[in-house]
C-alpha atoms as a PDB file:
ATOM      1  CA  UNK A   1     107.797  24.648  32.705  1.00  0.00           C
ATOM      2  CA  UNK A   2     104.479  26.743  32.780  1.00  0.00           C
ATOM      3  CA  UNK A   3     101.696  26.150  30.588  1.00  0.00           C
ATOM      4  CA  UNK A   4     100.867  28.776  27.730  1.00  0.00           C
ATOM      5  CA  UNK A   5      98.098  31.165  28.619  1.00  0.00           C
ATOM      6  CA  UNK A   6      95.162  31.893  26.704  1.00  0.00           C
ATOM      7  CA  UNK A   7      95.053  35.505  24.578  1.00  0.00           C
ATOM      8  CA  UNK A   8      94.571  38.222  26.500  1.00  0.00           C
ATOM      9  CA  UNK A   9      92.225  41.347  24.982  1.00  0.00           C
ATOM     10  CA  UNK A  10      93.673  44.043  26.514  1.00  0.00           C
ATOM     11  CA  UNK A  11      91.723  47.463  27.588  1.00  0.00           C
ATOM     12  CA  UNK A  12      90.932  49.988  24.745  1.00  0.00           C
ATOM     13  CA  UNK A  13      94.220  51.909  23.689  1.00  0.00           C
ATOM     14  CA  UNK A  14      94.930  55.454  25.147  1.00  0.00           C
ATOM     15  CA  UNK A  15      93.423  58.282  23.494  1.00  0.00           C
ATOM     16  CA  UNK A  16      96.732  59.285  22.097  1.00  0.00           C
ATOM     17  CA  UNK A  17      97.101  56.082  20.374  1.00  0.00           C
ATOM     18  CA  UNK A  18      94.032  56.561  17.990  1.00  0.00           C
ATOM     19  CA  UNK A  19      93.626  58.949  14.784  1.00  0.00           C
ATOM     20  CA  UNK A  20      91.617  61.935  15.303  1.00  0.00           C
ATOM     21  CA  UNK A  21      89.219  60.725  13.129  1.00  0.00           C
ATOM     22  CA  UNK A  22      88.464  57.491  15.492  1.00  0.00           C
ATOM     23  CA  UNK A  23      85.502  57.423  17.965  1.00  0.00           C
ATOM     24  CA  UNK A  24      86.582  57.652  21.656  1.00  0.00           C
ATOM     25  CA  UNK A  25      86.069  54.179  22.962  1.00  0.00           C
ATOM     26  CA  UNK A  26      83.923  53.395  25.898  1.00  0.00           C
ATOM     27  CA  UNK A  27      86.240  53.961  29.094  1.00  0.00           C
ATOM     28  CA  UNK A  28      87.717  50.348  30.258  1.00  0.00           C
ATOM     29  CA  UNK A  29      86.333  48.824  27.007  1.00  0.00           C
ATOM     30  CA  UNK A  30      87.836  45.580  25.707  1.00  0.00           C
ATOM     31  CA  UNK A  31      89.655  45.400  22.117  1.00  0.00           C
ATOM     32  CA  UNK A  32      88.292  42.843  20.482  1.00  0.00           C
ATOM     33  CA  UNK A  33      91.152  40.857  18.371  1.00  0.00           C
ATOM     34  CA  UNK A  34      90.426  39.625  15.071  1.00  0.00           C
ATOM     35  CA  UNK A  35      92.663  36.527  16.022  1.00  0.00           C
ATOM     36  CA  UNK A  36      90.748  35.802  18.977  1.00  0.00           C
ATOM     37  CA  UNK A  37      87.145  35.817  16.995  1.00  0.00           C
ATOM     38  CA  UNK A  38      88.943  33.763  14.153  1.00  0.00           C
ATOM     39  CA  UNK A  39      89.892  31.101  16.812  1.00  0.00           C
ATOM     40  CA  UNK A  40      86.456  31.245  18.297  1.00  0.00           C
ATOM     41  CA  UNK A  41      84.732  30.907  15.274  1.00  0.00           C
ATOM     42  CA  UNK A  42      87.524  28.004  14.276  1.00  0.00           C
ATOM     43  CA  UNK A  43      86.630  26.137  17.353  1.00  0.00           C
ATOM     44  CA  UNK A  44      82.929  26.550  17.414  1.00  0.00           C
ATOM     45  CA  UNK A  45      82.940  24.796  13.692  1.00  0.00           C
ATOM     46  CA  UNK A  46      85.165  22.132  15.179  1.00  0.00           C
ATOM     47  CA  UNK A  47      83.047  21.563  17.818  1.00  0.00           C
ATOM     48  CA  UNK A  48      79.934  20.937  15.613  1.00  0.00           C
ATOM     49  CA  UNK A  49      81.585  18.121  13.449  1.00  0.00           C
ATOM     50  CA  UNK A  50      83.032  16.529  16.772  1.00  0.00           C
ATOM     51  CA  UNK A  51      79.787  16.559  19.057  1.00  0.00           C
ATOM     52  CA  UNK A  52      76.646  17.958  16.940  1.00  0.00           C
ATOM     53  CA  UNK A  53      75.089  21.369  17.203  1.00  0.00           C
ATOM     54  CA  UNK A  54      72.956  19.971  19.924  1.00  0.00           C
ATOM     55  CA  UNK A  55      75.902  19.373  22.554  1.00  0.00           C
ATOM     56  CA  UNK A  56      77.877  22.194  21.608  1.00  0.00           C
ATOM     57  CA  UNK A  57      78.458  24.513  24.924  1.00  0.00           C
ATOM     58  CA  UNK A  58      80.163  27.892  24.985  1.00  0.00           C
ATOM     59  CA  UNK A  59      82.526  26.271  27.762  1.00  0.00           C
ATOM     60  CA  UNK A  60      83.591  23.996  24.857  1.00  0.00           C
ATOM     61  CA  UNK A  61      84.114  26.202  22.251  1.00  0.00           C
ATOM     62  CA  UNK A  62      86.127  28.678  24.625  1.00  0.00           C
ATOM     63  CA  UNK A  63      88.477  25.606  25.684  1.00  0.00           C
ATOM     64  CA  UNK A  64      88.992  24.501  22.277  1.00  0.00           C
ATOM     65  CA  UNK A  65      89.852  28.206  21.122  1.00  0.00           C
ATOM     66  CA  UNK A  66      92.448  28.602  24.268  1.00  0.00           C
ATOM     67  CA  UNK A  67      90.175  31.728  25.621  1.00  0.00           C
ATOM     68  CA  UNK A  68      87.905  32.436  28.422  1.00  0.00           C
ATOM     69  CA  UNK A  69      84.000  32.235  28.399  1.00  0.00           C
ATOM     70  CA  UNK A  70      84.243  36.027  28.957  1.00  0.00           C
ATOM     71  CA  UNK A  71      86.083  36.335  25.518  1.00  0.00           C
ATOM     72  CA  UNK A  72      82.877  34.620  23.656  1.00  0.00           C
ATOM     73  CA  UNK A  73      80.742  36.278  25.382  1.00  0.00           C
ATOM     74  CA  UNK A  74      82.181  39.596  24.624  1.00  0.00           C
ATOM     75  CA  UNK A  75      81.136  38.680  20.518  1.00  0.00           C
ATOM     76  CA  UNK A  76      77.872  36.824  21.145  1.00  0.00           C
ATOM     77  CA  UNK A  77      75.401  36.573  24.052  1.00  0.00           C
ATOM     78  CA  UNK A  78      74.481  32.965  23.466  1.00  0.00           C
ATOM     79  CA  UNK A  79      75.411  29.781  20.784  1.00  0.00           C
ATOM     80  CA  UNK A  80      72.468  30.212  18.692  1.00  0.00           C
ATOM     81  CA  UNK A  81      73.647  34.040  18.142  1.00  0.00           C
ATOM     82  CA  UNK A  82      76.995  32.809  17.393  1.00  0.00           C
ATOM     83  CA  UNK A  83      75.936  30.108  14.970  1.00  0.00           C
ATOM     84  CA  UNK A  84      73.391  32.848  13.359  1.00  0.00           C
ATOM     85  CA  UNK A  85      76.291  35.197  12.922  1.00  0.00           C
ATOM     86  CA  UNK A  86      78.303  31.847  11.178  1.00  0.00           C
ATOM     87  CA  UNK A  87      75.696  31.365   8.942  1.00  0.00           C
ATOM     88  CA  UNK A  88      75.436  34.916   8.216  1.00  0.00           C
ATOM     89  CA  UNK A  89      79.363  34.592   7.427  1.00  0.00           C
ATOM     90  CA  UNK A  90      78.918  31.808   5.005  1.00  0.00           C
ATOM     91  CA  UNK A  91      75.519  33.627   3.425  1.00  0.00           C
ATOM     92  CA  UNK A  92      77.725  36.455   2.355  1.00  0.00           C
ATOM     93  CA  UNK A  93      79.725  34.448   0.061  1.00  0.00           C
ATOM     94  CA  UNK A  94      76.650  33.302  -1.945  1.00  0.00           C
ATOM     95  CA  UNK A  95      76.585  32.009  -5.263  1.00  0.00           C
ATOM     96  CA  UNK A  96      77.998  34.172  -7.994  1.00  0.00           C
ATOM     97  CA  UNK A  97      76.306  34.668 -11.064  1.00  0.00           C
ATOM     98  CA  UNK A  98      78.167  32.829 -13.631  1.00  0.00           C
ATOM     99  CA  UNK A  99      77.170  34.896 -16.921  1.00  0.00           C
ATOM    100  CA  UNK A 100      78.763  32.042 -19.102  1.00  0.00           C
ATOM    101  CA  UNK A 101      77.266  32.801 -22.375  1.00  0.00           C
ATOM    102  CA  UNK A 102      74.835  29.656 -22.021  1.00  0.00           C
ATOM    103  CA  UNK A 103      72.058  27.670 -19.661  1.00  0.00           C
ATOM    104  CA  UNK A 104      74.580  24.796 -19.430  1.00  0.00           C
ATOM    105  CA  UNK A 105      77.654  26.780 -18.976  1.00  0.00           C
ATOM    106  CA  UNK A 106      75.789  28.633 -15.894  1.00  0.00           C
ATOM    107  CA  UNK A 107      74.490  25.840 -14.380  1.00  0.00           C
ATOM    108  CA  UNK A 108      77.706  23.717 -14.696  1.00  0.00           C
ATOM    109  CA  UNK A 109      79.442  26.722 -12.685  1.00  0.00           C
ATOM    110  CA  UNK A 110      77.097  27.111  -9.778  1.00  0.00           C
ATOM    111  CA  UNK A 111      77.413  23.380  -9.757  1.00  0.00           C
ATOM    112  CA  UNK A 112      81.206  23.559  -9.093  1.00  0.00           C
ATOM    113  CA  UNK A 113      80.750  26.263  -6.587  1.00  0.00           C
ATOM    114  CA  UNK A 114      78.232  24.057  -4.422  1.00  0.00           C
ATOM    115  CA  UNK A 115      80.023  20.979  -4.908  1.00  0.00           C
ATOM    116  CA  UNK A 116      83.412  22.332  -3.903  1.00  0.00           C
ATOM    117  CA  UNK A 117      81.574  24.071  -0.898  1.00  0.00           C
ATOM    118  CA  UNK A 118      79.988  20.949   0.067  1.00  0.00           C
ATOM    119  CA  UNK A 119      83.489  18.653  -0.109  1.00  0.00           C
ATOM    120  CA  UNK A 120      84.787  21.130   2.367  1.00  0.00           C
ATOM    121  CA  UNK A 121      86.291  18.742   5.310  1.00  0.00           C
ATOM    122  CA  UNK A 122      83.836  20.073   8.008  1.00  0.00           C
ATOM    123  CA  UNK A 123      80.828  20.571   5.758  1.00  0.00           C
ATOM    124  CA  UNK A 124      80.135  17.155   5.558  1.00  0.00           C
ATOM    125  CA  UNK A 125      79.390  17.382  10.073  1.00  0.00           C
ATOM    126  CA  UNK A 126      78.050  20.601   9.948  1.00  0.00           C
ATOM    127  CA  UNK A 127      75.740  21.684   7.385  1.00  0.00           C
ATOM    128  CA  UNK A 128      73.451  18.410   7.660  1.00  0.00           C
ATOM    129  CA  UNK A 129      73.392  18.883  11.745  1.00  0.00           C
ATOM    130  CA  UNK A 130      72.480  22.511  11.347  1.00  0.00           C
ATOM    131  CA  UNK A 131      69.928  21.647   8.750  1.00  0.00           C
ATOM    132  CA  UNK A 132      68.243  19.244  11.340  1.00  0.00           C
ATOM    133  CA  UNK A 133      68.560  21.747  13.959  1.00  0.00           C
ATOM    134  CA  UNK A 134      66.699  24.389  11.991  1.00  0.00           C
ATOM    135  CA  UNK A 135      63.701  21.936  11.577  1.00  0.00           C
ATOM    136  CA  UNK A 136      63.718  22.645  15.434  1.00  0.00           C
ATOM    137  CA  UNK A 137      64.492  26.506  15.826  1.00  0.00           C
ATOM    138  CA  UNK A 138      62.386  28.701  13.710  1.00  0.00           C
ATOM    139  CA  UNK A 139      64.683  31.559  14.204  1.00  0.00           C
ATOM    140  CA  UNK A 140      67.845  29.474  12.704  1.00  0.00           C
ATOM    141  CA  UNK A 141      65.598  28.397   9.983  1.00  0.00           C
ATOM    142  CA  UNK A 142      64.916  32.066   9.002  1.00  0.00           C
ATOM    143  CA  UNK A 143      68.211  32.835   9.164  1.00  0.00           C
ATOM    144  CA  UNK A 144      69.266  30.102   6.502  1.00  0.00           C
ATOM    145  CA  UNK A 145      66.145  31.000   4.647  1.00  0.00           C
ATOM    146  CA  UNK A 146      67.088  34.927   4.389  1.00  0.00           C
ATOM    147  CA  UNK A 147      71.138  34.468   4.041  1.00  0.00           C
ATOM    148  CA  UNK A 148      71.521  31.504   1.902  1.00  0.00           C
ATOM    149  CA  UNK A 149      67.847  30.692   0.099  1.00  0.00           C
ATOM    150  CA  UNK A 150      67.128  33.885  -0.871  1.00  0.00           C
ATOM    151  CA  UNK A 151      70.546  34.955  -2.512  1.00  0.00           C
ATOM    152  CA  UNK A 152      70.371  31.249  -4.581  1.00  0.00           C
ATOM    153  CA  UNK A 153      67.290  31.973  -5.760  1.00  0.00           C
ATOM    154  CA  UNK A 154      68.376  35.969  -7.021  1.00  0.00           C
ATOM    155  CA  UNK A 155      70.851  33.880  -9.143  1.00  0.00           C
ATOM    156  CA  UNK A 156      68.825  31.454 -10.107  1.00  0.00           C
ATOM    157  CA  UNK A 157      66.343  34.359 -11.696  1.00  0.00           C
ATOM    158  CA  UNK A 158      69.303  35.809 -13.200  1.00  0.00           C
ATOM    159  CA  UNK A 159      70.328  32.757 -15.207  1.00  0.00           C
ATOM    160  CA  UNK A 160      67.001  31.888 -16.303  1.00  0.00           C
ATOM    161  CA  UNK A 161      66.673  36.017 -17.271  1.00  0.00           C
ATOM    162  CA  UNK A 162      69.839  35.181 -19.280  1.00  0.00           C
ATOM    163  CA  UNK A 163      68.772  32.310 -20.864  1.00  0.00           C
ATOM    164  CA  UNK A 164      65.492  33.844 -21.703  1.00  0.00           C
ATOM    165  CA  UNK A 165      66.911  36.878 -23.621  1.00  0.00           C
ATOM    166  CA  UNK A 166      69.035  33.919 -25.525  1.00  0.00           C
ATOM    167  CA  UNK A 167      66.060  31.914 -26.764  1.00  0.00           C
ATOM    168  CA  UNK A 168      66.892  29.390 -24.759  1.00  0.00           C
ATOM    169  CA  UNK A 169      64.156  28.871 -21.877  1.00  0.00           C
ATOM    170  CA  UNK A 170      60.387  30.140 -21.882  1.00  0.00           C
ATOM    171  CA  UNK A 171      59.902  33.558 -20.355  1.00  0.00           C
ATOM    172  CA  UNK A 172      57.746  32.277 -17.643  1.00  0.00           C
ATOM    173  CA  UNK A 173      60.184  29.491 -16.488  1.00  0.00           C
ATOM    174  CA  UNK A 174      60.447  29.120 -12.630  1.00  0.00           C
ATOM    175  CA  UNK A 175      63.763  29.728 -11.034  1.00  0.00           C
ATOM    176  CA  UNK A 176      62.883  27.592  -7.823  1.00  0.00           C
ATOM    177  CA  UNK A 177      62.854  24.708 -10.649  1.00  0.00           C
ATOM    178  CA  UNK A 178      66.325  25.465 -11.923  1.00  0.00           C
ATOM    179  CA  UNK A 179      67.750  25.231  -7.875  1.00  0.00           C
ATOM    180  CA  UNK A 180      65.552  21.779  -7.614  1.00  0.00           C
ATOM    181  CA  UNK A 181      67.201  20.449 -10.560  1.00  0.00           C
ATOM    182  CA  UNK A 182      71.008  21.461  -9.928  1.00  0.00           C
ATOM    183  CA  UNK A 183      71.190  21.971  -6.273  1.00  0.00           C
ATOM    184  CA  UNK A 184      68.539  19.497  -4.979  1.00  0.00           C
ATOM    185  CA  UNK A 185      70.432  16.465  -6.463  1.00  0.00           C
ATOM    186  CA  UNK A 186      74.118  17.626  -4.871  1.00  0.00           C
ATOM    187  CA  UNK A 187      72.165  18.162  -1.561  1.00  0.00           C
ATOM    188  CA  UNK A 188      70.973  14.530  -1.760  1.00  0.00           C
ATOM    189  CA  UNK A 189      74.271  13.305  -2.715  1.00  0.00           C
ATOM    190  CA  UNK A 190      76.054  15.470  -0.043  1.00  0.00           C
ATOM    191  CA  UNK A 191      73.727  14.718   2.826  1.00  0.00           C
ATOM    192  CA  UNK A 192      71.987  10.992   1.993  1.00  0.00           C
ATOM    193  CA  UNK A 193      74.107   9.218  -0.398  1.00  0.00           C
ATOM    194  CA  UNK A 194      77.210  10.293   1.048  1.00  0.00           C
ATOM    195  CA  UNK A 195      79.387   9.077  -1.384  1.00  0.00           C
ATOM    196  CA  UNK A 196      81.855  10.221  -3.994  1.00  0.00           C
ATOM    197  CA  UNK A 197      80.267  11.915  -7.460  1.00  0.00           C
ATOM    198  CA  UNK A 198      80.506   9.690 -10.483  1.00  0.00           C
ATOM    199  CA  UNK A 199      83.070  10.505 -13.505  1.00  0.00           C
ATOM    200  CA  UNK A 200      81.375  13.467 -15.303  1.00  0.00           C
ATOM    201  CA  UNK A 201      78.586  14.075 -12.717  1.00  0.00           C
ATOM    202  CA  UNK A 202      78.391  17.339 -12.699  1.00  0.00           C
ATOM    203  CA  UNK A 203      78.533  17.736 -16.603  1.00  0.00           C
ATOM    204  CA  UNK A 204      75.778  15.035 -17.076  1.00  0.00           C
ATOM    205  CA  UNK A 205      73.809  16.988 -14.410  1.00  0.00           C
ATOM    206  CA  UNK A 206      74.205  20.440 -15.676  1.00  0.00           C
ATOM    207  CA  UNK A 207      72.809  19.223 -19.388  1.00  0.00           C
ATOM    208  CA  UNK A 208      70.225  17.141 -17.701  1.00  0.00           C
ATOM    209  CA  UNK A 209      68.623  19.757 -15.506  1.00  0.00           C
ATOM    210  CA  UNK A 210      69.093  22.482 -18.930  1.00  0.00           C
ATOM    211  CA  UNK A 211      67.096  19.988 -20.790  1.00  0.00           C
ATOM    212  CA  UNK A 212      64.833  19.358 -18.124  1.00  0.00           C
ATOM    213  CA  UNK A 213      64.325  23.294 -17.962  1.00  0.00           C
ATOM    214  CA  UNK A 214      63.394  23.559 -21.762  1.00  0.00           C
ATOM    215  CA  UNK A 215      60.445  21.428 -21.056  1.00  0.00           C
ATOM    216  CA  UNK A 216      57.055  23.383 -21.321  1.00  0.00           C
ATOM    217  CA  UNK A 217      55.885  22.061 -17.982  1.00  0.00           C
ATOM    218  CA  UNK A 218      58.469  23.699 -15.968  1.00  0.00           C
ATOM    219  CA  UNK A 219      57.232  27.048 -16.163  1.00  0.00           C
ATOM    220  CA  UNK A 220      55.734  29.401 -13.385  1.00  0.00           C
ATOM    221  CA  UNK A 221      52.146  28.625 -14.556  1.00  0.00           C
ATOM    222  CA  UNK A 222      52.799  24.852 -14.804  1.00  0.00           C
ATOM    223  CA  UNK A 223      51.264  25.015 -18.585  1.00  0.00           C
ATOM    224  CA  UNK A 224      52.210  26.484 -21.631  1.00  0.00           C
ATOM    225  CA  UNK A 225      49.516  27.574 -24.339  1.00  0.00           C
ATOM    226  CA  UNK A 226      48.969  25.200 -27.348  1.00  0.00           C
ATOM    227  CA  UNK A 227      51.875  25.519 -29.681  1.00  0.00           C
ATOM    228  CA  UNK A 228      53.990  27.340 -27.533  1.00  0.00           C
ATOM    229  CA  UNK A 229      57.579  26.090 -28.068  1.00  0.00           C
ATOM    230  CA  UNK A 230      60.684  26.799 -26.143  1.00  0.00           C
ATOM    231  CA  UNK A 231      63.478  27.499 -29.018  1.00  0.00           C
ATOM    232  CA  UNK A 232      66.333  25.722 -28.505  1.00  0.00           C
ATOM    233  CA  UNK A 233      70.076  26.963 -27.520  1.00  0.00           C
ATOM    234  CA  UNK A 234      70.639  26.734 -31.093  1.00  0.00           C
ATOM    235  CA  UNK A 235      67.851  29.399 -31.708  1.00  0.00           C
ATOM    236  CA  UNK A 236      66.390  26.741 -34.553  1.00  0.00           C
ATOM    237  CA  UNK A 237      63.115  26.771 -32.595  1.00  0.00           C
ATOM    238  CA  UNK A 238      62.995  22.910 -33.319  1.00  0.00           C
END
């Protein structure tokens, strides 16, 4: 019995097999099969989870994916290029703008999305390791900041803007505090405490973050004018 062979990527199909609207592929160009690409990405995550980012090799990824190293290098020139692409994929999903109609509801929604992402079986191994490597590799840090942090700031700004329009927050509330007070504790429990969330933890965290954001101190200027009060969510202003 012969051992199974790794998937082979065939040369580009003949001109007669493509539609007139498709550009002519370069002579002898390989067709990059999506199933092979997906297998390589999955293998990379598995390798990082098992041996850590620093010890991951293209050879190890290829072996786990059941392909030759050439198949990996056709897609990514290096390990860093591969990880940057995967970070880009994660970032493309991003946080949704919840728009639930209340500040607490919006905070609870982004906490739920983030908590589910952090509970992914591989996330507990991959994300902390990548954050450590980001401290050593400025390009990786810049990519994480661009593709993950910047979109999160955009969602935070939208939540603050909606809350301001409802009278729940001061107009000068700093959206960065919103991320500090919500996602910060999650990452702490996920990366450092590494324990299960207490019952109702996300509900309590959303409520505590909303209460803290209503404090006059948490505005962009760090101060509020004397007598300048933030109306509560019920609009009473008391």
